[in-house]
Amino acid sequence: MNLGRDFLDLLSLFNTNGVRYLVAGGYATSVYAVPRYTKDLDIWLEPTEKNAKAILNALDEFGFGSVGLQIEDFTKPDHVVQLGYEPNRIDLLTQLKELDFHTAFARKNVFRLSGIDVSFISPEDLVKNKKAVGRLQDLADVEQILAHHPGSDS
């Protein structure tokens, strides 16, 4: 899987700054099933003040320090911060439908991509979220994930 240099650089900065995150969405689907096009990188963030400070530090180092983001942008429930433009857009999410961050974080899978450890949502949690969202692409993703990870539908 190729995340692209910018995405990997950001995730590396998240790791360095101790950000608690999980890659979700299309890129997570590509890890667990067949790679597919996606217009953005979905990153689910733990919505705590401590994590928000770490996120802001990482974003500052990444070059987004001047966009006016604040701690509240990463602690409000069901909030999305979008950075950049498709197909290189980064969506920073504080909530995923039907999931609890702490529970999902405990079940995460870490994959080493281009020398960087990247935390991904588990296939079970990804399936649960995609079923809850229910868009056609999400339901197609569920079929693909289950074809490659049959036990993920629990």
Protein backbone atom coordinates (compact mmCIF):
# COMPACT_ATOMS: atom_id res chain seq x y z
CA MET A 1 0.00 0.00 0.00
CA ASN A 2 1.25 3.46 -0.89
CA LEU A 3 0.02 6.25 1.36
CA GLY A 4 2.06 8.95 -0.31
CA ARG A 5 4.92 10.94 1.16
CA ASP A 6 2.85 13.82 2.61
CA PHE A 7 0.48 11.45 4.40
CA LEU A 8 3.39 9.42 5.76
CA ASP A 9 5.17 12.59 6.90
CA LEU A 10 2.08 13.69 8.85
CA LEU A 11 1.61 10.27 10.44
CA SER A 12 5.29 10.22 11.37
CA LEU A 13 4.85 13.60 13.09
CA PHE A 14 1.76 12.26 14.86
CA ASN A 15 3.86 9.35 16.14
CA THR A 16 6.71 11.64 17.23
CA ASN A 17 4.29 13.93 19.09
CA GLY A 18 2.42 11.06 20.75
CA VAL A 19 -0.87 11.64 18.94
CA ARG A 20 -3.42 8.88 19.49
CA TYR A 21 -4.97 8.23 16.08
CA LEU A 22 -6.38 5.51 13.85
CA VAL A 23 -6.41 5.51 10.06
CA ALA A 24 -9.94 4.66 8.90
CA GLY A 25 -11.99 4.99 5.72
CA GLY A 26 -10.77 4.07 2.26
CA TYR A 27 -7.12 3.64 3.19
CA ALA A 28 -8.03 1.24 5.99
CA THR A 29 -10.26 -0.65 3.56
CA SER A 30 -7.30 -0.90 1.17
CA VAL A 31 -5.16 -2.44 3.92
CA TYR A 32 -7.74 -5.12 4.74
CA ALA A 33 -9.17 -5.77 1.27
CA VAL A 34 -8.51 -4.72 -2.31
CA PRO A 35 -6.82 -1.32 -2.76
CA ARG A 36 -9.20 1.26 -4.18
CA TYR A 37 -9.17 4.95 -5.06
CA THR A 38 -10.01 7.32 -2.24
CA LYS A 39 -10.14 11.10 -2.30
CA ASP A 40 -8.76 11.59 1.20
CA LEU A 41 -7.02 10.13 4.22
CA ASP A 42 -9.43 9.70 7.14
CA ILE A 43 -7.70 9.93 10.51
CA TRP A 44 -9.76 9.33 13.64
CA LEU A 45 -8.35 11.19 16.64
CA GLU A 46 -8.82 10.70 20.35
CA PRO A 47 -10.88 13.80 21.31
CA THR A 48 -9.02 14.80 24.49
CA GLU A 49 -7.30 18.06 25.36
CA LYS A 50 -3.94 16.33 25.79
CA ASN A 51 -4.23 14.70 22.36
CA ALA A 52 -5.45 17.97 20.80
CA LYS A 53 -2.29 19.74 21.99
CA ALA A 54 -0.15 16.98 20.47
CA ILE A 55 -2.13 17.24 17.21
CA LEU A 56 -1.61 21.00 17.05
CA ASN A 57 2.13 20.57 17.62
CA ALA A 58 2.34 17.97 14.84
CA LEU A 59 0.29 20.12 12.45
CA ASP A 60 2.51 23.10 13.19
CA GLU A 61 5.60 21.03 12.33
CA PHE A 62 3.82 19.78 9.20
CA GLY A 63 3.19 23.35 8.01
CA PHE A 64 -0.44 23.90 9.03
CA GLY A 65 0.34 26.04 12.09
CA SER A 66 -1.07 29.19 10.50
CA VAL A 67 -4.56 27.92 9.64
CA GLY A 68 -6.04 28.95 12.99
CA LEU A 69 -6.90 25.55 14.43
CA GLN A 70 -7.58 25.38 18.16
CA ILE A 71 -7.85 22.71 20.85
CA GLU A 72 -11.66 22.78 20.53
CA ASP A 73 -11.38 21.69 16.89
CA PHE A 74 -10.11 18.33 18.13
CA THR A 75 -12.20 17.88 21.28
CA LYS A 76 -15.72 18.62 19.98
CA PRO A 77 -17.79 15.51 19.32
CA ASP A 78 -18.54 14.60 15.70
CA HIS A 79 -16.22 17.27 14.28
CA VAL A 80 -14.20 17.08 11.05
CA VAL A 81 -11.22 19.24 10.10
CA GLN A 82 -10.32 19.06 6.41
CA LEU A 83 -6.82 19.99 5.28
CA GLY A 84 -5.76 20.22 1.65
CA TYR A 85 -7.58 19.22 -1.50
CA GLU A 86 -8.63 15.96 -3.13
CA PRO A 87 -7.01 13.53 -3.81
CA ASN A 88 -4.52 14.57 -1.13
CA ARG A 89 -7.02 15.86 1.42
CA ILE A 90 -6.66 14.89 5.06
CA ASP A 91 -9.85 14.54 7.10
CA LEU A 92 -9.25 14.69 10.86
CA LEU A 93 -12.26 13.22 12.65
CA THR A 94 -13.16 13.30 16.34
CA GLN A 95 -15.81 10.59 16.10
CA LEU A 96 -16.79 7.59 14.00
CA LYS A 97 -20.36 6.32 13.94
CA GLU A 98 -21.10 3.42 16.31
CA LEU A 99 -17.57 3.33 17.75
CA ASP A 100 -15.77 4.33 20.95
CA PHE A 101 -12.22 5.56 20.42
CA HIS A 102 -10.70 3.92 23.51
CA THR A 103 -12.18 0.52 22.68
CA ALA A 104 -11.16 0.77 19.02
CA PHE A 105 -7.66 2.00 19.90
CA ALA A 106 -7.12 -1.08 22.07
CA ARG A 107 -7.97 -3.25 19.02
CA LYS A 108 -5.89 -1.32 16.48
CA ASN A 109 -3.44 -2.90 14.07
CA VAL A 110 -0.07 -1.29 13.43
CA PHE A 111 1.49 -1.74 10.00
CA ARG A 112 4.95 -0.57 9.00
CA LEU A 113 4.67 1.46 5.80
CA SER A 114 7.81 2.93 4.24
CA GLY A 115 9.57 2.69 7.59
CA ILE A 116 6.76 4.34 9.58
CA ASP A 117 4.48 2.57 12.06
CA VAL A 118 0.90 3.47 11.14
CA SER A 119 -2.06 2.70 13.43
CA PHE A 120 -5.14 1.40 11.62
CA ILE A 121 -8.63 0.75 12.87
CA SER A 122 -9.30 -3.00 13.19
CA PRO A 123 -11.25 -4.71 10.38
CA GLU A 124 -14.04 -5.49 12.87
CA ASP A 125 -14.44 -1.84 13.86
CA LEU A 126 -14.12 -0.69 10.26
CA VAL A 127 -16.94 -3.03 9.23
CA LYS A 128 -19.13 -1.85 12.12
CA ASN A 129 -18.56 1.80 11.20
CA LYS A 130 -19.11 1.31 7.48
CA LYS A 131 -22.35 -0.57 8.10
CA ALA A 132 -23.56 2.26 10.35
CA VAL A 133 -22.70 4.91 7.75
CA GLY A 134 -24.43 2.82 5.09
CA ARG A 135 -23.45 4.61 1.87
CA LEU A 136 -23.18 2.42 -1.23
CA GLN A 137 -19.37 2.67 -1.25
CA ASP A 138 -19.25 1.76 2.45
CA LEU A 139 -21.44 -1.30 1.93
CA ALA A 140 -19.28 -2.37 -1.03
CA ASP A 141 -16.23 -1.92 1.21
CA VAL A 142 -17.85 -4.15 3.86
CA GLU A 143 -18.28 -6.93 1.29
CA GLN A 144 -14.61 -6.65 0.28
CA ILE A 145 -13.35 -6.60 3.87
CA LEU A 146 -15.48 -9.61 4.81
CA ALA A 147 -14.24 -11.51 1.74
CA HIS A 148 -10.67 -11.08 3.01
CA HIS A 149 -11.42 -11.20 6.77
CA PRO A 150 -14.48 -13.45 7.22
CA GLY A 151 -14.51 -13.15 11.03
CA SER A 152 -14.78 -9.36 10.97
CA ASP A 153 -18.57 -9.21 11.05
CA SER A 154 -19.05 -9.39 14.80
